[in-house]
Amino acid sequence: MKLIFNKILGTAAMLGLLAVHAPAETVKVGILHSLSGTMAISETSLRDVLLFAFDEINKSGGVKLGGKSYTIEPVIVDGASNWPLFAEKAKQLLEQDKVATVFGCWTSVSRKSVLPVFEKDNGMLFYPVQYEGEELSKNIFYTAEAVNQQATPAVDYLLKLGKKKFYLIGTDYVYPQTTNLILYKYLLLHGIPIENIGGGFRKDDAGNVISAGKYTPFGHSDYQQIVADIKQFAASGDACVLNTVNGDSNVPLFKEIAAAGLSAADCPVVSFSLAEDELRALPTKDLVGELGCWTYFMSLPTPVNKTFLANWNGWLKTQNHSGVVKEKRAVDSPIVLSYDGVYLWKAAAEKAGSFDVDKVREVLESGAVAFNGPGGKITMQKNHHATKDVFMGETKANGQFKILETYPQVYGEPFMLKDLTAKLAQKK
């Protein structure tokens, strides 16, 4: 009997040892970004911070569900700045790789390309980049800044400075076109006459403005004539530029602005797709005083942000993921909102006790999931957008931003166009 008992104890001990050393369960998570093409200048950094967040979570014990710990296994695909390809890659992630969720997309056209795939397959996408609003899908959670969390606060700030003329310029696709139409209506509502809104207009047969601003294609590099127009528009001394140019076209745009002798004192430019990460490729000494409005700046002096930056820089030195550049890195709002999205998803999955999309969605929609991130507290709303702090900043010579104004805990409002149109109709 004693021998049998000892064997049982030995077997139990061995099983316990195996349990301790058994490999953790894994959960596949998708990364869908442009790692090549015109948008790679911005999107590769989002891949990097997602890998950092996954490593950070895995090191701290993984995602904990029902007594089990799950290690995050990233599945990385390249959208290659090719919008139809984004849809193909989304389908691969959901149908072949069977990922629990996806973090990805930068441009609105890439997001709109993948949206039908996520809705058909009931997938979940976290979208981290400022956008035009006018969308709400049950399969997308927008940690991104809505227009009322970036563009309209920037206009409010410029109006407060006494600016009376606004030149609109952007890349020719959904986000700039829609955002500038919203800003056109917002400016009219705030008493700016149509002749003081530069960049040009396109009207429908009834004479209604359906497009406002000057647009260039992705990858455009010749801004000489446009900057000459801006300089003439700004000759009165009370003008500014609202810039929604995306990707690497910002490099030749700002080089031309500097070459033309246009300074922030003459005509400040507020950019909605240009932050610390992109400023690494620009002549920042010529951009001192130019403006940005985001829900995060690297210069935020909070303990949470300082800890995040220290951990990020430490990870960069030791990480061994392919393609991640270790030197001369910067952090900006889309990077942080990608990072925040991972922790919001983790918290929701753990609260739901499941990776099931419907169950995780229900928790996120409850408003009970928040994360104290590098930019402050972020809370997911029932409308799939997020409440967060908004900051107005001024570019410094070192590529960082001096924080000029803070708008605390701004609720994300995705639909502004219809509301502004109605208010303008009432005003007439």
Protein backbone atom coordinates (compact mmCIF):
# COMPACT_ATOMS: atom_id res chain seq x y z
CA MET A 1 0.00 0.00 0.00
CA LYS A 2 2.87 2.37 0.91
CA LEU A 3 4.54 1.65 -2.44
CA ILE A 4 1.34 2.41 -4.35
CA PHE A 5 0.84 5.63 -2.36
CA ASN A 6 4.41 6.75 -3.12
CA LYS A 7 3.87 6.06 -6.82
CA ILE A 8 0.69 8.13 -6.75
CA LEU A 9 2.57 10.97 -5.04
CA GLY A 10 5.38 10.69 -7.56
CA THR A 11 2.96 10.77 -10.46
CA ALA A 12 1.16 13.77 -8.97
CA ALA A 13 4.44 15.58 -8.46
CA MET A 14 5.47 14.88 -12.04
CA LEU A 15 2.12 16.16 -13.33
CA GLY A 16 2.56 19.27 -11.22
CA LEU A 17 6.03 19.79 -12.66
CA LEU A 18 4.69 19.36 -16.17
CA ALA A 19 1.93 21.88 -15.41
CA VAL A 20 4.47 24.43 -14.22
CA HIS A 21 6.60 24.02 -17.35
CA ALA A 22 3.76 23.47 -19.81
CA PRO A 23 3.73 26.05 -22.59
CA ALA A 24 1.16 28.79 -22.12
CA GLU A 25 -1.93 28.91 -24.29
CA THR A 26 -1.62 31.32 -27.21
CA VAL A 27 -4.00 33.76 -28.86
CA LYS A 28 -3.33 35.04 -32.37
CA VAL A 29 -3.67 38.80 -32.90
CA GLY A 30 -3.36 40.56 -36.25
CA ILE A 31 -1.26 43.58 -37.23
CA LEU A 32 -2.44 45.15 -40.51
CA HIS A 33 -0.32 48.13 -41.56
CA SER A 34 1.61 49.49 -44.54
CA LEU A 35 5.19 48.36 -44.08
CA SER A 36 6.06 49.55 -47.60
CA GLY A 37 4.87 52.29 -49.95
CA THR A 38 4.04 55.95 -49.31
CA MET A 39 2.40 55.33 -45.91
CA ALA A 40 5.25 53.27 -44.45
CA ILE A 41 6.78 56.50 -43.08
CA SER A 42 3.95 56.52 -40.53
CA GLU A 43 2.66 52.96 -40.24
CA THR A 44 5.81 50.97 -39.49
CA SER A 45 5.97 52.69 -36.10
CA LEU A 46 2.48 51.44 -35.29
CA ARG A 47 3.60 47.88 -35.99
CA ASP A 48 6.55 48.46 -33.67
CA VAL A 49 4.52 49.75 -30.73
CA LEU A 50 2.04 46.89 -31.09
CA LEU A 51 4.91 44.41 -30.85
CA PHE A 52 6.14 46.31 -27.78
CA ALA A 53 2.70 46.11 -26.15
CA PHE A 54 2.39 42.40 -26.89
CA ASP A 55 5.85 41.70 -25.46
CA GLU A 56 5.03 43.80 -22.40
CA ILE A 57 1.79 41.89 -21.79
CA ASN A 58 3.40 38.50 -22.40
CA LYS A 59 6.22 39.32 -19.98
CA SER A 60 3.68 40.27 -17.29
CA GLY A 61 1.78 36.98 -17.58
CA GLY A 62 -0.23 37.34 -20.76
CA VAL A 63 -3.99 37.70 -21.14
CA LYS A 64 -5.71 35.92 -18.27
CA LEU A 65 -8.99 34.13 -18.98
CA GLY A 66 -10.71 31.57 -16.77
CA GLY A 67 -7.62 30.62 -14.82
CA LYS A 68 -5.49 30.33 -17.96
CA SER A 69 -2.81 32.69 -19.25
CA TYR A 70 -2.64 33.32 -22.97
CA THR A 71 0.50 34.49 -24.73
CA ILE A 72 -0.19 36.92 -27.58
CA GLU A 73 1.12 35.63 -30.90
CA PRO A 74 1.31 38.45 -33.48
CA VAL A 75 0.43 37.77 -37.11
CA ILE A 76 1.90 40.61 -39.21
CA VAL A 77 0.78 41.44 -42.75
CA ASP A 78 1.76 44.31 -45.06
CA GLY A 79 -1.00 46.40 -46.66
CA ALA A 80 1.75 48.02 -48.76
CA SER A 81 -0.13 51.35 -49.11
CA ASN A 82 -2.43 49.46 -51.51
CA TRP A 83 -6.05 49.80 -50.45
CA PRO A 84 -7.54 46.70 -52.19
CA LEU A 85 -4.63 44.68 -50.79
CA PHE A 86 -5.67 45.75 -47.28
CA ALA A 87 -8.98 43.93 -47.82
CA GLU A 88 -7.20 40.78 -49.02
CA LYS A 89 -4.89 40.83 -46.00
CA ALA A 90 -7.83 41.40 -43.63
CA LYS A 91 -9.55 38.35 -45.11
CA GLN A 92 -6.36 36.31 -44.62
CA LEU A 93 -6.09 37.34 -40.96
CA LEU A 94 -9.72 36.53 -40.17
CA GLU A 95 -10.36 33.43 -42.29
CA GLN A 96 -6.97 31.71 -42.48
CA ASP A 97 -5.06 32.87 -39.41
CA LYS A 98 -8.20 33.00 -37.22
CA VAL A 99 -6.98 35.99 -35.20
CA ALA A 100 -8.98 37.11 -32.17
CA THR A 101 -8.69 40.78 -33.10
CA VAL A 102 -6.77 43.08 -35.46
CA PHE A 103 -4.94 46.34 -34.84
CA GLY A 104 -4.37 48.32 -37.99
CA CYS A 105 -4.99 50.73 -40.87
CA TRP A 106 -3.94 54.38 -41.10
CA THR A 107 -5.80 56.00 -43.98
CA SER A 108 -9.59 56.07 -44.04
CA VAL A 109 -9.55 54.55 -47.51
CA SER A 110 -7.72 51.49 -46.14
CA ARG A 111 -10.20 51.27 -43.25
CA LYS A 112 -13.17 51.52 -45.60
CA SER A 113 -11.57 48.87 -47.79
CA VAL A 114 -11.39 46.35 -44.94
CA LEU A 115 -14.69 47.28 -43.26
CA PRO A 116 -16.91 44.92 -45.36
CA VAL A 117 -14.51 42.05 -44.62
CA PHE A 118 -14.71 42.62 -40.86
CA GLU A 119 -18.49 42.91 -40.99
CA LYS A 120 -18.90 39.78 -43.12
CA ASP A 121 -16.60 37.66 -40.93
CA ASN A 122 -17.61 39.37 -37.65
CA GLY A 123 -14.03 40.34 -36.91
CA MET A 124 -12.82 43.12 -34.61
CA LEU A 125 -10.57 46.00 -35.71
CA PHE A 126 -9.00 48.66 -33.49
CA TYR A 127 -8.36 51.81 -35.55
CA PRO A 128 -5.90 54.33 -34.01
CA VAL A 129 -5.49 57.26 -36.42
CA GLN A 130 -7.30 60.61 -36.48
CA TYR A 131 -10.17 60.46 -38.96
CA GLU A 132 -13.19 62.22 -40.40
CA GLY A 133 -15.95 60.53 -38.38
CA GLU A 134 -19.15 59.86 -40.31
CA GLU A 135 -18.86 56.13 -39.61
CA LEU A 136 -19.95 53.64 -37.00
CA SER A 137 -19.46 49.90 -37.48
CA LYS A 138 -20.13 47.29 -34.83
CA ASN A 139 -16.89 45.61 -35.90
CA ILE A 140 -14.57 48.62 -35.48
CA PHE A 141 -13.45 50.38 -32.31
CA TYR A 142 -12.02 53.84 -32.96
CA THR A 143 -9.36 54.81 -30.42
CA ALA A 144 -8.61 57.48 -33.08
CA GLU A 145 -9.29 61.19 -32.65
CA ALA A 146 -12.65 62.16 -34.11
CA VAL A 147 -12.87 65.61 -35.76
CA ASN A 148 -14.13 67.16 -32.51
CA GLN A 149 -11.04 65.84 -30.71
CA GLN A 150 -8.51 67.39 -33.10
CA ALA A 151 -9.57 69.55 -36.03
CA THR A 152 -12.29 71.72 -34.46
CA PRO A 153 -10.35 72.36 -31.20
CA ALA A 154 -7.45 73.52 -33.41
CA VAL A 155 -9.75 75.92 -35.27
CA ASP A 156 -11.09 77.20 -31.95
CA TYR A 157 -7.53 77.90 -30.84
CA LEU A 158 -6.68 79.74 -34.07
CA LEU A 159 -9.87 81.81 -33.87
CA LYS A 160 -8.88 82.75 -30.33
CA LEU A 161 -5.51 83.90 -31.71
CA GLY A 162 -7.39 86.25 -34.02
CA LYS A 163 -6.93 84.37 -37.30
CA LYS A 164 -9.49 85.41 -39.92
CA LYS A 165 -8.39 83.48 -43.03
CA PHE A 166 -8.03 79.71 -43.34
CA TYR A 167 -6.40 77.83 -46.24
CA LEU A 168 -7.40 74.16 -46.55
CA ILE A 169 -4.97 71.65 -48.07
CA GLY A 170 -4.97 67.84 -48.01
CA THR A 171 -4.33 64.53 -49.72
CA ASP A 172 -7.04 63.51 -52.16
CA TYR A 173 -8.98 60.83 -50.30
CA VAL A 174 -11.74 60.34 -47.75
CA TYR A 175 -10.28 61.75 -44.53
CA PRO A 176 -9.02 65.13 -45.82
CA GLN A 177 -12.02 65.68 -48.12
CA THR A 178 -14.58 65.00 -45.38
CA THR A 179 -12.66 66.74 -42.60
CA ASN A 180 -12.19 69.87 -44.71
CA LEU A 181 -15.88 69.93 -45.64
CA ILE A 182 -16.68 69.75 -41.93
CA LEU A 183 -14.16 72.54 -41.22
CA TYR A 184 -15.59 74.66 -44.05
CA LYS A 185 -19.04 74.46 -42.45
CA TYR A 186 -17.58 74.96 -38.97
CA LEU A 187 -15.78 78.13 -40.11
CA LEU A 188 -18.94 79.51 -41.73
CA LEU A 189 -20.85 78.81 -38.53
CA HIS A 190 -18.23 80.78 -36.60
CA GLY A 191 -18.56 83.83 -38.82
CA ILE A 192 -15.70 83.30 -41.31
CA PRO A 193 -16.88 84.50 -44.75
CA ILE A 194 -16.49 82.11 -47.67
CA GLU A 195 -13.97 84.43 -49.38
CA ASN A 196 -11.66 83.95 -46.37
CA ILE A 197 -11.54 80.17 -46.84
CA GLY A 198 -8.76 79.30 -49.28
CA GLY A 199 -7.91 76.29 -51.41
CA GLY A 200 -10.90 76.36 -53.73
CA PHE A 201 -14.38 74.82 -53.85
CA ARG A 202 -16.34 72.30 -55.86
CA LYS A 203 -20.10 72.65 -56.08
CA ASP A 204 -22.99 70.43 -57.14
CA ASP A 205 -25.59 71.39 -59.76
CA ALA A 206 -27.62 73.19 -57.11
CA GLY A 207 -24.67 75.38 -56.15
CA ASN A 208 -23.96 73.64 -52.82
CA VAL A 209 -20.31 73.29 -51.83
CA ILE A 210 -19.46 69.58 -51.81
CA SER A 211 -15.67 69.91 -51.56
CA ALA A 212 -13.48 72.58 -49.98
CA GLY A 213 -9.71 72.88 -50.22
CA LYS A 214 -6.74 72.06 -52.43
CA TYR A 215 -5.89 68.36 -52.88
CA THR A 216 -2.88 66.41 -54.11
CA PRO A 217 -2.47 62.65 -54.68
CA PHE A 218 -0.59 60.29 -52.38
CA GLY A 219 3.16 60.63 -52.89
CA HIS A 220 2.86 64.12 -54.44
CA SER A 221 6.14 66.06 -54.34
CA ASP A 222 5.77 69.36 -56.24
CA TYR A 223 4.23 71.99 -53.95
CA GLN A 224 5.80 75.11 -55.48
CA GLN A 225 2.61 76.54 -57.00
CA ILE A 226 0.43 75.63 -54.01
CA VAL A 227 2.85 77.28 -51.57
CA ALA A 228 2.96 80.36 -53.83
CA ASP A 229 -0.87 80.49 -53.58
CA ILE A 230 -0.68 80.15 -49.80
CA LYS A 231 1.89 82.95 -49.60
CA GLN A 232 -0.36 85.26 -51.58
CA PHE A 233 -3.41 84.24 -49.48
CA ALA A 234 -1.42 84.99 -46.29
CA ALA A 235 -0.12 88.40 -47.40
CA SER A 236 -2.76 90.13 -45.25
CA GLY A 237 -1.06 88.77 -42.10
CA ASP A 238 -4.12 87.18 -40.49
CA ALA A 239 -4.10 83.77 -42.23
CA CYS A 240 -3.30 80.19 -41.29
CA VAL A 241 -3.23 76.77 -42.99
CA LEU A 242 -5.21 73.68 -42.00
CA ASN A 243 -3.13 70.77 -43.29
CA THR A 244 -4.52 67.26 -43.86
CA VAL A 245 -1.74 66.09 -46.19
CA ASN A 246 -0.83 62.47 -45.32
CA GLY A 247 2.32 60.39 -45.57
CA ASP A 248 5.67 61.31 -47.07
CA SER A 249 4.25 64.22 -49.11
CA ASN A 250 4.61 66.32 -45.96
CA VAL A 251 8.39 66.32 -46.49
CA PRO A 252 8.38 68.27 -49.81
CA LEU A 253 5.43 70.41 -48.65
CA PHE A 254 7.25 71.77 -45.61
CA LYS A 255 10.56 72.06 -47.43
CA GLU A 256 8.78 74.28 -49.97
CA ILE A 257 7.14 76.31 -47.19
CA ALA A 258 10.57 76.90 -45.64
CA ALA A 259 12.12 77.75 -49.03
CA ALA A 260 9.36 80.30 -49.66
CA GLY A 261 10.22 82.06 -46.41
CA LEU A 262 6.81 81.43 -44.86
CA SER A 263 7.23 81.23 -41.10
CA ALA A 264 4.82 80.34 -38.33
CA ALA A 265 4.76 84.02 -37.40
CA ASP A 266 3.57 84.90 -40.94
CA CYS A 267 1.09 82.07 -41.43
CA PRO A 268 0.99 79.19 -38.92
CA VAL A 269 0.27 75.69 -40.23
CA VAL A 270 -1.67 73.27 -38.05
CA SER A 271 -1.20 69.69 -39.28
CA PHE A 272 -3.57 66.85 -38.48
CA SER A 273 -1.46 64.00 -39.88
CA LEU A 274 1.97 65.21 -38.87
CA ALA A 275 3.41 64.50 -35.45
CA GLU A 276 6.67 63.69 -33.67
CA ASP A 277 7.30 60.50 -35.66
CA GLU A 278 7.06 62.23 -39.05
CA LEU A 279 8.97 65.30 -37.83
CA ARG A 280 12.11 63.13 -37.73
CA ALA A 281 12.21 63.45 -41.54
CA LEU A 282 11.60 67.22 -41.70
CA PRO A 283 13.79 70.33 -41.24
CA THR A 284 12.41 71.08 -37.77
CA LYS A 285 14.59 74.19 -37.34
CA ASP A 286 12.42 75.76 -40.06
CA LEU A 287 9.16 74.58 -38.47
CA VAL A 288 9.47 76.16 -35.04
CA GLY A 289 6.07 77.55 -34.05
CA GLU A 290 4.01 75.37 -36.40
CA LEU A 291 1.06 73.75 -34.66
CA GLY A 292 -0.39 70.34 -33.93
CA CYS A 293 -3.47 69.14 -32.09
CA TRP A 294 -3.48 65.59 -30.75
CA THR A 295 -4.55 63.47 -27.78
CA TYR A 296 -0.90 62.79 -26.90
CA PHE A 297 2.41 64.60 -27.04
CA MET A 298 5.74 62.97 -26.22
CA SER A 299 6.56 65.98 -24.03
CA LEU A 300 3.73 65.30 -21.55
CA PRO A 301 5.41 65.47 -18.13
CA THR A 302 3.22 62.84 -16.39
CA PRO A 303 4.68 59.87 -14.46
CA VAL A 304 2.74 57.41 -16.64
CA ASN A 305 4.19 58.89 -19.82
CA LYS A 306 7.73 58.97 -18.41
CA THR A 307 7.45 55.29 -17.42
CA PHE A 308 6.03 54.38 -20.83
CA LEU A 309 8.87 56.15 -22.68
CA ALA A 310 11.51 54.54 -20.46
CA ASN A 311 10.02 51.08 -21.07
CA TRP A 312 9.69 51.73 -24.82
CA ASN A 313 13.30 52.85 -25.15
CA GLY A 314 14.46 49.91 -23.08
CA TRP A 315 12.51 47.51 -25.31
CA LEU A 316 13.97 49.05 -28.47
CA LYS A 317 17.50 48.32 -27.25
CA THR A 318 16.82 44.65 -26.56
CA GLN A 319 14.04 43.59 -28.96
CA ASN A 320 14.79 41.17 -31.79
CA HIS A 321 11.78 41.58 -34.07
CA SER A 322 12.62 41.85 -37.76
CA GLY A 323 12.47 45.31 -39.33
CA VAL A 324 12.24 47.37 -36.13
CA VAL A 325 14.62 50.34 -36.19
CA LYS A 326 16.24 50.92 -32.81
CA GLU A 327 17.81 54.36 -33.15
CA LYS A 328 16.42 57.90 -33.25
CA ARG A 329 12.84 56.92 -32.50
CA ALA A 330 9.96 59.19 -31.54
CA VAL A 331 6.48 58.56 -30.15
CA ASP A 332 3.29 60.31 -31.23
CA SER A 333 -0.49 60.12 -30.82
CA PRO A 334 -1.26 57.32 -33.35
CA ILE A 335 1.50 55.25 -31.74
CA VAL A 336 0.06 55.75 -28.26
CA LEU A 337 -3.53 55.16 -29.39
CA SER A 338 -2.39 51.86 -30.91
CA TYR A 339 -0.79 50.95 -27.58
CA ASP A 340 -3.92 52.02 -25.68
CA GLY A 341 -6.09 49.88 -27.96
CA VAL A 342 -4.17 46.73 -27.04
CA TYR A 343 -4.76 47.31 -23.33
CA LEU A 344 -8.44 48.18 -23.84
CA TRP A 345 -8.90 44.93 -25.77
CA LYS A 346 -7.02 42.94 -23.11
CA ALA A 347 -9.13 44.44 -20.30
CA ALA A 348 -12.37 43.75 -22.20
CA ALA A 349 -11.40 40.14 -23.04
CA GLU A 350 -10.46 39.47 -19.42
CA LYS A 351 -13.70 41.02 -18.17
CA ALA A 352 -15.68 38.99 -20.72
CA GLY A 353 -13.73 35.84 -19.86
CA SER A 354 -13.50 35.15 -23.57
CA PHE A 355 -11.89 36.16 -26.88
CA ASP A 356 -15.28 35.83 -28.59
CA VAL A 357 -15.86 39.00 -30.61
CA ASP A 358 -19.50 39.43 -29.55
CA LYS A 359 -18.67 39.05 -25.85
CA VAL A 360 -15.67 41.38 -26.00
CA ARG A 361 -17.73 43.94 -27.95
CA GLU A 362 -20.46 43.89 -25.30
CA VAL A 363 -17.94 44.74 -22.58
CA LEU A 364 -16.33 47.53 -24.63
CA GLU A 365 -19.75 49.05 -25.38
CA SER A 366 -20.65 49.07 -21.68
CA GLY A 367 -18.37 52.04 -21.01
CA ALA A 368 -16.78 50.10 -18.15
CA VAL A 369 -13.40 49.67 -19.83
CA ALA A 370 -10.77 52.39 -19.38
CA PHE A 371 -6.98 52.53 -19.45
CA ASN A 372 -4.66 55.06 -17.85
CA GLY A 373 -2.33 55.42 -20.83
CA PRO A 374 0.61 57.69 -21.68
CA GLY A 375 -1.78 60.43 -22.87
CA GLY A 376 -4.06 60.14 -19.85
CA LYS A 377 -7.25 58.20 -19.19
CA ILE A 378 -8.97 56.74 -22.25
CA THR A 379 -12.45 55.22 -21.97
CA MET A 380 -14.27 53.32 -24.70
CA GLN A 381 -17.76 54.68 -25.37
CA LYS A 382 -20.97 52.92 -26.41
CA ASN A 383 -20.58 54.50 -29.87
CA HIS A 384 -17.21 52.71 -30.31
CA HIS A 385 -15.23 55.96 -29.95
CA ALA A 386 -13.18 57.02 -26.95
CA THR A 387 -13.16 59.79 -24.37
CA LYS A 388 -9.68 61.26 -23.91
CA ASP A 389 -7.68 64.42 -23.25
CA VAL A 390 -6.88 66.75 -26.19
CA PHE A 391 -3.73 68.91 -26.40
CA MET A 392 -2.78 71.87 -28.57
CA GLY A 393 0.95 72.05 -29.19
CA GLU A 394 3.65 74.16 -30.87
CA THR A 395 6.61 72.61 -32.70
CA LYS A 396 10.05 73.10 -31.16
CA ALA A 397 13.43 72.91 -32.90
CA ASN A 398 14.06 69.42 -31.46
CA GLY A 399 10.92 67.99 -33.11
CA GLN A 400 8.91 67.96 -29.88
CA PHE A 401 5.86 70.03 -28.97
CA LYS A 402 5.37 72.69 -26.34
CA ILE A 403 1.88 72.14 -24.90
CA LEU A 404 -0.16 75.33 -25.26
CA GLU A 405 -3.60 74.23 -24.15
CA THR A 406 -5.35 71.16 -22.72
CA TYR A 407 -8.96 70.13 -23.26
CA PRO A 408 -9.68 67.43 -20.64
CA GLN A 409 -11.70 64.26 -21.32
CA VAL A 410 -13.37 65.17 -24.62
CA TYR A 411 -16.15 62.78 -25.64
CA GLY A 412 -15.68 61.41 -29.16
CA GLU A 413 -18.44 62.56 -31.55
CA PRO A 414 -18.23 60.75 -34.92
CA PHE A 415 -21.03 62.52 -36.82
CA MET A 416 -20.55 66.28 -37.26
CA LEU A 417 -21.38 66.93 -40.92
CA LYS A 418 -25.16 66.51 -40.63
CA ASP A 419 -25.29 68.54 -37.41
CA LEU A 420 -23.30 71.44 -38.89
CA THR A 421 -25.41 71.43 -42.07
CA ALA A 422 -28.58 71.69 -39.96
CA LYS A 423 -27.16 74.51 -37.82
CA LEU A 424 -26.12 76.49 -40.93
CA ALA A 425 -29.61 76.05 -42.40
CA GLN A 426 -31.13 77.44 -39.19
CA LYS A 427 -28.74 80.38 -39.28
CA LYS A 428 -29.83 81.51 -42.77
